[in-house]
Amino acid sequence: MLREDIFGNLPQVSHTSYIDNTAILIGNIIIGENVYIGPNVVIRADEISVSYNVGKIVIKDGASIYDGVNINTIEGSYIVIGENTIISNGVIIKGSCSIGDYCSVNVKSIIYNSRIGNNCFIGINTILDNINIENNIMIDSGCILTRENFNNFLKPITKEKEDTIIKANTANKVLVNGYKMIGY
């Protein structure tokens, strides 16, 4: 379901993208080419700041947003999901966030007011709270990263994790094209 915010901003969705009919997108959102948005996803860019500015969410070409993901701005914040990035089931992204190209943010992770560079792998059930992650970094499952401790958990991404991201992106493109072909 696509809904306007209180200012009349309606999500802009490329005709080549697939959005499940149970997903809810509200407000100032731009969805690029060949994006997959799965069941029960909620994406909201409708909260306003005290100066009446509304936030914005951009999901770039080839990104995949899996089941039950929740992405929303705080006040006038800005969220960007990079090209061919995978946001797995149950992830929460809130506040001012930027996730680079070819990343994988895995099941039930929470990203809050953080920046993730390109080609990064964020493990299952990981929390990033006001963190800046450089390119080509891997964070193991279950880590809680804050400004005080984040250097303890960073390591270079492995070839295995890079291959996992590439395989998942290929499968997601088949999903987008398949659903479009059968009329969704």
Protein backbone atom coordinates (compact mmCIF):
# COMPACT_ATOMS: atom_id res chain seq x y z
CA MET A 1 0.00 0.00 0.00
CA LEU A 2 1.35 3.40 -0.96
CA ARG A 3 0.15 6.31 1.17
CA GLU A 4 0.74 10.06 1.17
CA ASP A 5 2.14 11.83 4.19
CA ILE A 6 0.35 14.88 5.63
CA PHE A 7 2.09 17.14 3.07
CA GLY A 8 0.95 15.05 0.10
CA ASN A 9 4.29 13.30 -0.56
CA LEU A 10 3.50 9.96 -2.20
CA PRO A 11 6.17 7.26 -2.52
CA GLN A 12 7.78 7.19 -5.97
CA VAL A 13 8.32 3.62 -7.16
CA SER A 14 10.02 2.48 -10.35
CA HIS A 15 7.77 0.35 -12.55
CA THR A 16 10.50 -2.33 -12.61
CA SER A 17 10.37 -2.87 -8.84
CA TYR A 18 8.21 -5.33 -6.94
CA ILE A 19 6.37 -4.37 -3.75
CA ASP A 20 4.38 -7.07 -1.98
CA ASN A 21 0.74 -6.09 -1.48
CA THR A 22 1.11 -6.40 2.34
CA ALA A 23 3.94 -3.82 2.46
CA ILE A 24 3.14 -0.27 3.60
CA LEU A 25 5.09 2.72 2.23
CA ILE A 26 4.20 6.17 3.55
CA GLY A 27 5.53 9.58 2.54
CA ASN A 28 8.70 10.92 0.98
CA ILE A 29 10.18 7.68 -0.40
CA ILE A 30 12.01 6.96 -3.66
CA ILE A 31 12.33 3.34 -4.82
CA GLY A 32 14.84 2.68 -7.63
CA GLU A 33 14.90 0.10 -10.43
CA ASN A 34 14.51 -3.65 -9.80
CA VAL A 35 14.02 -3.29 -6.04
CA TYR A 36 12.35 -6.15 -4.14
CA ILE A 37 10.18 -5.27 -1.13
CA GLY A 38 8.75 -8.33 0.60
CA PRO A 39 5.72 -9.09 2.76
CA ASN A 40 4.88 -7.02 5.84
CA VAL A 41 7.57 -4.40 5.26
CA VAL A 42 6.86 -0.94 6.68
CA ILE A 43 8.76 2.05 5.26
CA ARG A 44 7.80 5.46 6.65
CA ALA A 45 9.15 8.91 5.83
CA ASP A 46 6.31 10.90 7.29
CA GLU A 47 7.48 12.18 10.67
CA ILE A 48 8.06 15.95 10.73
CA SER A 49 10.59 18.07 12.58
CA VAL A 50 9.70 21.04 14.77
CA SER A 51 10.37 23.23 11.71
CA TYR A 52 7.93 21.13 9.64
CA ASN A 53 10.54 19.37 7.52
CA VAL A 54 9.72 15.80 6.55
CA GLY A 55 12.32 13.05 6.28
CA LYS A 56 13.27 11.16 3.13
CA ILE A 57 14.09 7.54 2.32
CA VAL A 58 15.90 6.46 -0.86
CA ILE A 59 16.23 2.79 -1.78
CA LYS A 60 18.60 2.45 -4.71
CA ASP A 61 18.55 0.10 -7.70
CA GLY A 62 18.64 -3.64 -7.09
CA ALA A 63 18.19 -3.46 -3.31
CA SER A 64 16.17 -6.16 -1.54
CA ILE A 65 14.10 -5.51 1.57
CA TYR A 66 12.93 -8.81 3.09
CA ASP A 67 9.90 -9.75 5.16
CA GLY A 68 9.01 -7.71 8.24
CA VAL A 69 11.63 -4.98 7.84
CA ASN A 70 10.83 -1.60 9.42
CA ILE A 71 12.54 1.52 8.05
CA ASN A 72 11.56 4.95 9.30
CA THR A 73 12.90 8.44 9.64
CA ILE A 74 12.97 10.51 12.80
CA GLU A 75 11.78 14.06 12.22
CA GLY A 76 13.54 15.36 9.10
CA SER A 77 16.19 12.61 8.91
CA TYR A 78 17.42 10.96 5.72
CA ILE A 79 17.90 7.23 5.07
CA VAL A 80 19.67 5.73 2.04
CA ILE A 81 19.87 2.03 1.19
CA GLY A 82 22.58 1.42 -1.44
CA GLU A 83 22.52 -0.44 -4.74
CA ASN A 84 22.22 -4.23 -4.56
CA THR A 85 22.09 -4.13 -0.76
CA ILE A 86 20.14 -6.78 1.12
CA ILE A 87 18.17 -5.93 4.24
CA SER A 88 17.11 -9.26 5.79
CA ASN A 89 14.02 -10.28 7.73
CA GLY A 90 13.00 -8.24 10.76
CA VAL A 91 15.72 -5.57 10.49
CA ILE A 92 14.93 -2.15 11.97
CA ILE A 93 16.53 0.97 10.46
CA LYS A 94 15.71 4.26 12.19
CA GLY A 95 16.97 7.85 12.22
CA SER A 96 19.65 9.24 9.91
CA CYS A 97 21.22 6.20 8.27
CA SER A 98 23.22 5.37 5.20
CA ILE A 99 23.92 1.82 4.09
CA GLY A 100 26.31 1.50 1.15
CA ASP A 101 26.23 -0.58 -2.02
CA TYR A 102 26.56 -4.39 -1.98
CA CYS A 103 25.94 -4.75 1.75
CA SER A 104 24.07 -7.40 3.70
CA VAL A 105 22.33 -6.46 6.95
CA ASN A 106 21.14 -9.72 8.47
CA VAL A 107 18.11 -10.95 10.39
CA LYS A 108 16.80 -8.91 13.34
CA SER A 109 19.62 -6.36 13.32
CA ILE A 110 19.01 -2.78 14.42
CA ILE A 111 20.67 0.17 12.69
CA TYR A 112 20.15 3.48 14.51
CA ASN A 113 21.64 6.80 13.33
CA SER A 114 24.55 4.98 11.71
CA ARG A 115 26.52 4.86 8.48
CA ILE A 116 27.71 1.63 6.84
CA GLY A 117 30.18 1.81 3.94
CA ASN A 118 30.12 -0.27 0.74
CA ASN A 119 30.58 -4.04 0.65
CA CYS A 120 29.89 -4.67 4.34
CA PHE A 121 28.36 -7.67 6.09
CA ILE A 122 26.42 -7.13 9.32
CA GLY A 123 25.68 -10.38 11.19
CA ILE A 124 22.41 -11.61 12.64
CA ASN A 125 20.95 -9.74 15.62
CA THR A 126 23.59 -7.00 15.60
CA ILE A 127 22.97 -3.50 16.95
CA LEU A 128 24.67 -0.40 15.56
CA ASP A 129 24.02 2.74 17.62
CA ASN A 130 25.51 5.98 16.22
CA ILE A 131 28.34 4.13 14.44
CA ASN A 132 30.36 4.86 11.30
CA ILE A 133 31.55 1.67 9.53
CA GLU A 134 34.09 1.98 6.70
CA ASN A 135 34.02 -0.04 3.43
CA ASN A 136 34.72 -3.80 3.28
CA ILE A 137 33.99 -4.55 6.94
CA MET A 138 32.34 -7.57 8.50
CA ILE A 139 30.66 -7.61 11.92
CA ASP A 140 29.82 -10.97 13.50
CA SER A 141 26.35 -11.89 14.71
CA GLY A 142 25.15 -10.71 18.10
CA CYS A 143 27.44 -7.71 18.49
CA ILE A 144 26.27 -4.49 20.11
CA LEU A 145 28.33 -1.60 18.77
CA THR A 146 28.39 1.84 20.34
CA ARG A 147 30.87 4.69 19.94
CA GLU A 148 32.83 3.41 22.92
CA ASN A 149 33.42 -0.18 21.78
CA PHE A 150 33.01 -0.46 18.01
CA ASN A 151 36.69 -0.98 17.12
CA ASN A 152 36.66 -4.25 19.07
CA PHE A 153 34.28 -5.87 16.56
CA LEU A 154 35.48 -4.76 13.12
CA LYS A 155 37.30 -7.07 10.72
CA PRO A 156 37.72 -7.29 6.93
CA ILE A 157 34.90 -8.94 5.01
CA THR A 158 35.63 -12.50 3.87
CA LYS A 159 35.37 -13.81 0.30
CA GLU A 160 32.67 -16.21 1.54
CA LYS A 161 30.49 -13.33 2.77
CA GLU A 162 31.03 -11.38 -0.46
CA ASP A 163 29.94 -14.46 -2.46
CA THR A 164 26.85 -14.82 -0.25
CA ILE A 165 25.81 -11.25 -1.06
CA ILE A 166 26.32 -11.81 -4.81
CA LYS A 167 24.30 -15.08 -4.81
CA ALA A 168 21.44 -13.50 -2.85
CA ASN A 169 21.32 -10.50 -5.21
CA THR A 170 21.08 -12.84 -8.21
CA ALA A 171 18.21 -14.76 -6.58
CA ASN A 172 16.43 -11.51 -5.70
CA LYS A 173 16.54 -10.30 -9.29
CA VAL A 174 14.82 -13.55 -10.33
CA LEU A 175 12.12 -12.87 -7.71
CA VAL A 176 11.51 -9.31 -8.94
CA ASN A 177 11.30 -10.40 -12.58
CA GLY A 178 9.19 -13.45 -11.78
CA TYR A 179 6.60 -11.52 -9.77
CA LYS A 180 6.45 -8.83 -12.44
CA MET A 181 5.90 -11.50 -15.14
CA ILE A 182 2.95 -13.05 -13.30
CA GLY A 183 1.32 -9.67 -12.86
CA TYR A 184 2.22 -8.47 -9.39
